[in-house]
């Protein structure tokens, strides 16, 4: 419920602080859900806090190491952080699992 409230606060309300609060609380209650960590990464990324976004995407990948979507998100975070080599590496890993990644 907290994860969904955090997702709603970020996506529908545009309230990143509220989203991060809800998602952080959800993580504290259950630090085994990769999607919670991924959403925290997204929220921090949208907030321009690339270091924190990368940290959360890495935590999400520890829990879901074959997730092409999380790898894509991590690639995006590295791109925004200015590290094109790491961005390309993670995008390639994501595409190796799901060739449709980045084909929009």
N, C-alpha and C. Protein backbone atom coordinates (compact mmCIF):
# COMPACT_ATOMS: atom_id res chain seq x y z
N UNK A 1 0.82 -1.20 0.00
CA UNK A 1 0.00 0.00 0.00
C UNK A 1 0.87 1.26 0.00
N UNK A 2 1.94 1.24 0.80
CA UNK A 2 2.81 2.41 0.85
C UNK A 2 3.53 2.61 -0.48
N UNK A 3 3.94 1.51 -1.10
CA UNK A 3 4.62 1.62 -2.40
C UNK A 3 3.69 2.23 -3.43
N UNK A 4 2.43 1.78 -3.44
CA UNK A 4 1.46 2.34 -4.39
C UNK A 4 1.17 3.80 -4.09
N UNK A 5 1.10 4.16 -2.80
CA UNK A 5 0.88 5.56 -2.43
C UNK A 5 2.05 6.42 -2.90
N UNK A 6 3.26 5.89 -2.75
CA UNK A 6 4.44 6.61 -3.21
C UNK A 6 4.45 6.78 -4.72
N UNK A 7 4.09 5.71 -5.42
CA UNK A 7 4.03 5.77 -6.88
C UNK A 7 2.99 6.81 -7.31
N UNK A 8 1.84 6.80 -6.66
CA UNK A 8 0.77 7.76 -6.98
C UNK A 8 1.23 9.19 -6.71
N UNK A 9 1.87 9.41 -5.55
CA UNK A 9 2.33 10.75 -5.20
C UNK A 9 3.30 11.29 -6.24
N UNK A 10 4.17 10.42 -6.74
CA UNK A 10 5.15 10.86 -7.73
C UNK A 10 4.56 11.03 -9.11
N UNK A 11 3.80 10.03 -9.57
CA UNK A 11 3.30 10.05 -10.94
C UNK A 11 2.10 10.96 -11.12
N UNK A 12 1.15 10.89 -10.24
CA UNK A 12 -0.11 11.61 -10.42
C UNK A 12 -0.08 13.01 -9.81
N UNK A 13 0.59 13.13 -8.66
CA UNK A 13 0.61 14.42 -7.96
C UNK A 13 1.86 15.23 -8.27
N UNK A 14 2.89 14.58 -8.77
CA UNK A 14 4.15 15.28 -9.02
C UNK A 14 4.86 15.69 -7.74
N UNK A 15 4.52 15.04 -6.63
CA UNK A 15 5.09 15.39 -5.34
C UNK A 15 6.21 14.39 -5.01
N UNK A 16 7.42 14.72 -5.41
CA UNK A 16 8.54 13.80 -5.24
C UNK A 16 8.90 13.58 -3.79
N UNK A 17 8.83 14.64 -2.97
CA UNK A 17 9.16 14.47 -1.55
C UNK A 17 8.21 13.48 -0.89
N UNK A 18 6.94 13.62 -1.18
CA UNK A 18 5.94 12.71 -0.62
C UNK A 18 6.17 11.30 -1.15
N UNK A 19 6.46 11.18 -2.43
CA UNK A 19 6.72 9.87 -3.03
C UNK A 19 7.90 9.20 -2.34
N UNK A 20 8.98 9.95 -2.16
CA UNK A 20 10.18 9.39 -1.52
C UNK A 20 9.88 8.99 -0.08
N UNK A 21 9.08 9.79 0.63
CA UNK A 21 8.71 9.43 2.01
C UNK A 21 7.96 8.12 2.06
N UNK A 22 6.93 7.99 1.24
CA UNK A 22 6.15 6.74 1.21
C UNK A 22 7.01 5.55 0.81
N UNK A 23 7.80 5.73 -0.23
CA UNK A 23 8.62 4.62 -0.72
C UNK A 23 9.70 4.23 0.27
N UNK A 24 10.28 5.20 0.95
CA UNK A 24 11.28 4.90 1.98
C UNK A 24 10.65 4.10 3.11
N UNK A 25 9.46 4.49 3.51
CA UNK A 25 8.75 3.75 4.57
C UNK A 25 8.43 2.33 4.10
N UNK A 26 7.99 2.18 2.86
CA UNK A 26 7.72 0.85 2.32
C UNK A 26 8.98 0.00 2.34
N UNK A 27 10.11 0.60 1.98
CA UNK A 27 11.39 -0.11 1.98
C UNK A 27 11.78 -0.54 3.39
N UNK A 28 11.57 0.36 4.36
CA UNK A 28 11.89 0.02 5.75
C UNK A 28 11.07 -1.17 6.23
N UNK A 29 9.82 -1.24 5.81
CA UNK A 29 8.94 -2.33 6.22
C UNK A 29 9.28 -3.64 5.51
N UNK A 30 9.74 -3.56 4.26
CA UNK A 30 10.06 -4.77 3.50
C UNK A 30 11.17 -4.48 2.49
N UNK A 31 12.43 -4.64 2.91
CA UNK A 31 13.55 -4.36 2.02
C UNK A 31 13.88 -5.50 1.06
N UNK A 32 12.88 -6.28 0.70
CA UNK A 32 13.12 -7.39 -0.22
C UNK A 32 12.39 -7.21 -1.55
N UNK A 33 11.74 -6.05 -1.73
CA UNK A 33 10.93 -5.83 -2.93
C UNK A 33 11.71 -4.94 -3.90
N UNK A 34 12.15 -5.54 -5.00
CA UNK A 34 12.95 -4.81 -5.99
C UNK A 34 12.20 -3.60 -6.55
N UNK A 35 10.90 -3.72 -6.75
CA UNK A 35 10.12 -2.63 -7.34
C UNK A 35 10.14 -1.39 -6.45
N UNK A 36 10.15 -1.57 -5.13
CA UNK A 36 10.23 -0.42 -4.23
C UNK A 36 11.56 0.30 -4.43
N UNK A 37 12.65 -0.46 -4.48
CA UNK A 37 13.97 0.14 -4.71
C UNK A 37 14.02 0.83 -6.07
N UNK A 38 13.44 0.19 -7.09
CA UNK A 38 13.42 0.78 -8.43
C UNK A 38 12.66 2.10 -8.43
N UNK A 39 11.50 2.12 -7.77
CA UNK A 39 10.71 3.36 -7.73
C UNK A 39 11.44 4.46 -6.97
N UNK A 40 12.18 4.10 -5.92
CA UNK A 40 13.00 5.11 -5.23
C UNK A 40 14.06 5.65 -6.18
N UNK A 41 14.64 4.78 -6.98
CA UNK A 41 15.61 5.23 -7.98
C UNK A 41 15.00 6.18 -8.98
N UNK A 42 13.80 5.86 -9.43
CA UNK A 42 13.09 6.73 -10.38
C UNK A 42 12.82 8.09 -9.73
N UNK A 43 12.31 8.07 -8.50
CA UNK A 43 11.98 9.33 -7.82
C UNK A 43 13.22 10.20 -7.63
N UNK A 44 14.31 9.60 -7.18
CA UNK A 44 15.54 10.38 -7.00
C UNK A 44 16.08 10.86 -8.35
N UNK A 45 15.94 10.05 -9.37
CA UNK A 45 16.39 10.46 -10.70
C UNK A 45 15.62 11.65 -11.22
N UNK A 46 14.30 11.61 -11.07
CA UNK A 46 13.46 12.74 -11.50
C UNK A 46 13.80 13.98 -10.70
N UNK A 47 14.18 13.78 -9.43
CA UNK A 47 14.55 14.91 -8.57
C UNK A 47 15.96 15.42 -8.88
N UNK A 48 16.65 14.76 -9.82
CA UNK A 48 17.99 15.21 -10.20
C UNK A 48 19.09 14.74 -9.27
N UNK A 49 18.76 13.81 -8.38
CA UNK A 49 19.75 13.27 -7.44
C UNK A 49 20.28 11.94 -8.01
N UNK A 50 21.15 12.07 -9.01
CA UNK A 50 21.61 10.91 -9.75
C UNK A 50 22.36 9.89 -8.91
N UNK A 51 23.18 10.36 -7.95
CA UNK A 51 23.92 9.41 -7.11
C UNK A 51 22.97 8.52 -6.33
N UNK A 52 21.93 9.12 -5.76
CA UNK A 52 20.95 8.33 -5.00
C UNK A 52 20.15 7.43 -5.93
N UNK A 53 19.83 7.92 -7.12
CA UNK A 53 19.11 7.10 -8.09
C UNK A 53 19.93 5.85 -8.42
N UNK A 54 21.20 6.03 -8.71
CA UNK A 54 22.08 4.91 -9.04
C UNK A 54 22.14 3.92 -7.87
N UNK A 55 22.28 4.45 -6.67
CA UNK A 55 22.33 3.60 -5.48
C UNK A 55 21.08 2.72 -5.36
N UNK A 56 19.91 3.32 -5.58
CA UNK A 56 18.66 2.56 -5.46
C UNK A 56 18.48 1.57 -6.61
N UNK A 57 18.88 1.95 -7.82
CA UNK A 57 18.78 1.01 -8.93
C UNK A 57 19.72 -0.19 -8.70
N UNK A 58 20.89 0.07 -8.12
CA UNK A 58 21.81 -1.03 -7.82
C UNK A 58 21.21 -1.97 -6.76
N UNK A 59 20.54 -1.40 -5.75
CA UNK A 59 19.86 -2.23 -4.75
C UNK A 59 18.76 -3.06 -5.42
N UNK A 60 18.03 -2.44 -6.31
CA UNK A 60 16.96 -3.16 -7.01
C UNK A 60 17.53 -4.32 -7.81
N UNK A 61 18.68 -4.09 -8.46
CA UNK A 61 19.31 -5.15 -9.26
C UNK A 61 19.82 -6.30 -8.40
N UNK A 62 20.24 -5.99 -7.18
CA UNK A 62 20.66 -7.07 -6.27
C UNK A 62 19.50 -8.03 -6.02
N UNK A 63 18.29 -7.47 -5.97
CA UNK A 63 17.10 -8.28 -5.70
C UNK A 63 16.52 -8.91 -6.96
N UNK A 64 16.74 -8.28 -8.09
CA UNK A 64 16.20 -8.78 -9.37
C UNK A 64 17.30 -8.67 -10.43
N UNK A 65 18.33 -9.52 -10.33
CA UNK A 65 19.51 -9.37 -11.18
C UNK A 65 19.29 -9.58 -12.68
N UNK A 66 18.17 -10.13 -13.07
CA UNK A 66 17.89 -10.35 -14.49
C UNK A 66 16.87 -9.36 -15.05
N UNK A 67 16.59 -8.29 -14.31
CA UNK A 67 15.58 -7.32 -14.75
C UNK A 67 16.16 -6.34 -15.78
N UNK A 68 15.75 -6.51 -17.02
CA UNK A 68 16.19 -5.60 -18.08
C UNK A 68 15.67 -4.19 -17.83
N UNK A 69 14.48 -4.06 -17.26
CA UNK A 69 13.91 -2.74 -16.99
C UNK A 69 14.76 -1.98 -15.98
N UNK A 70 15.21 -2.66 -14.93
CA UNK A 70 16.05 -1.99 -13.93
C UNK A 70 17.40 -1.64 -14.56
N UNK A 71 17.95 -2.51 -15.38
CA UNK A 71 19.21 -2.21 -16.07
C UNK A 71 19.06 -0.98 -16.96
N UNK A 72 17.91 -0.88 -17.65
CA UNK A 72 17.65 0.29 -18.49
C UNK A 72 17.59 1.55 -17.63
N UNK A 73 16.90 1.45 -16.48
CA UNK A 73 16.81 2.61 -15.58
C UNK A 73 18.19 3.01 -15.07
N UNK A 74 19.02 2.01 -14.75
CA UNK A 74 20.38 2.29 -14.29
C UNK A 74 21.19 2.95 -15.40
N UNK A 75 21.03 2.49 -16.63
CA UNK A 75 21.71 3.11 -17.77
C UNK A 75 21.31 4.57 -17.90
N UNK A 76 20.03 4.84 -17.74
CA UNK A 76 19.54 6.23 -17.83
C UNK A 76 20.15 7.08 -16.73
N UNK A 77 20.22 6.54 -15.52
CA UNK A 77 20.79 7.28 -14.39
C UNK A 77 22.27 7.58 -14.64
N UNK A 78 23.01 6.60 -15.15
CA UNK A 78 24.42 6.85 -15.46
C UNK A 78 24.56 7.90 -16.56
N UNK A 79 23.67 7.87 -17.54
CA UNK A 79 23.67 8.88 -18.60
C UNK A 79 23.48 10.28 -17.99
N UNK A 80 22.49 10.41 -17.12
CA UNK A 80 22.23 11.72 -16.49
C UNK A 80 23.37 12.14 -15.57
N UNK A 81 24.10 11.16 -15.03
CA UNK A 81 25.25 11.47 -14.18
C UNK A 81 26.49 11.81 -15.01
N UNK A 82 26.39 11.65 -16.34
CA UNK A 82 27.49 12.02 -17.22
C UNK A 82 28.49 10.92 -17.52
N UNK A 83 28.18 9.68 -17.14
CA UNK A 83 29.08 8.56 -17.41
C UNK A 83 28.52 7.73 -18.56
N UNK A 84 28.88 8.13 -19.77
CA UNK A 84 28.33 7.48 -20.96
C UNK A 84 28.82 6.04 -21.11
N UNK A 85 30.03 5.74 -20.63
CA UNK A 85 30.54 4.37 -20.72
C UNK A 85 29.69 3.42 -19.89
N UNK A 86 29.40 3.82 -18.66
CA UNK A 86 28.57 2.96 -17.80
C UNK A 86 27.14 2.91 -18.33
N UNK A 87 26.66 4.02 -18.86
CA UNK A 87 25.31 4.03 -19.44
C UNK A 87 25.23 3.03 -20.59
N UNK A 88 26.23 3.04 -21.46
CA UNK A 88 26.24 2.12 -22.61
C UNK A 88 26.36 0.67 -22.15
N UNK A 89 27.18 0.44 -21.13
CA UNK A 89 27.36 -0.92 -20.60
C UNK A 89 26.03 -1.48 -20.08
N UNK A 90 25.32 -0.68 -19.29
CA UNK A 90 24.06 -1.17 -18.71
C UNK A 90 22.97 -1.29 -19.76
N UNK A 91 22.97 -0.41 -20.74
CA UNK A 91 21.99 -0.52 -21.81
C UNK A 91 22.24 -1.80 -22.63
N UNK A 92 23.50 -2.10 -22.87
CA UNK A 92 23.84 -3.33 -23.60
C UNK A 92 23.41 -4.57 -22.81
N UNK A 93 23.62 -4.54 -21.50
CA UNK A 93 23.19 -5.67 -20.66
C UNK A 93 21.67 -5.83 -20.71
N UNK A 94 20.97 -4.71 -20.65
CA UNK A 94 19.50 -4.76 -20.71
C UNK A 94 19.04 -5.33 -22.04
N UNK A 95 19.66 -4.88 -23.12
CA UNK A 95 19.27 -5.36 -24.46
C UNK A 95 19.61 -6.83 -24.67
N UNK A 96 20.65 -7.32 -24.00
CA UNK A 96 21.00 -8.74 -24.11
C UNK A 96 19.88 -9.61 -23.54
N UNK A 97 19.18 -9.08 -22.55
CA UNK A 97 18.06 -9.81 -21.94
C UNK A 97 16.77 -9.54 -22.70
N UNK A 98 16.57 -8.28 -23.07
CA UNK A 98 15.34 -7.89 -23.77
C UNK A 98 15.71 -6.98 -24.94
N UNK A 99 15.82 -7.53 -26.14
CA UNK A 99 16.24 -6.75 -27.31
C UNK A 99 15.32 -5.57 -27.64
N UNK A 100 14.11 -5.54 -27.11
CA UNK A 100 13.20 -4.42 -27.40
C UNK A 100 13.53 -3.18 -26.56
N UNK A 101 14.40 -3.31 -25.56
CA UNK A 101 14.77 -2.17 -24.71
C UNK A 101 15.41 -1.10 -25.59
N UNK A 102 14.93 0.12 -25.45
CA UNK A 102 15.50 1.24 -26.19
C UNK A 102 15.12 1.30 -27.65
N UNK A 103 14.12 0.55 -28.06
CA UNK A 103 13.71 0.51 -29.46
C UNK A 103 12.54 1.44 -29.77
N UNK A 104 12.19 2.33 -28.83
CA UNK A 104 11.01 3.19 -29.03
C UNK A 104 11.21 4.10 -30.20
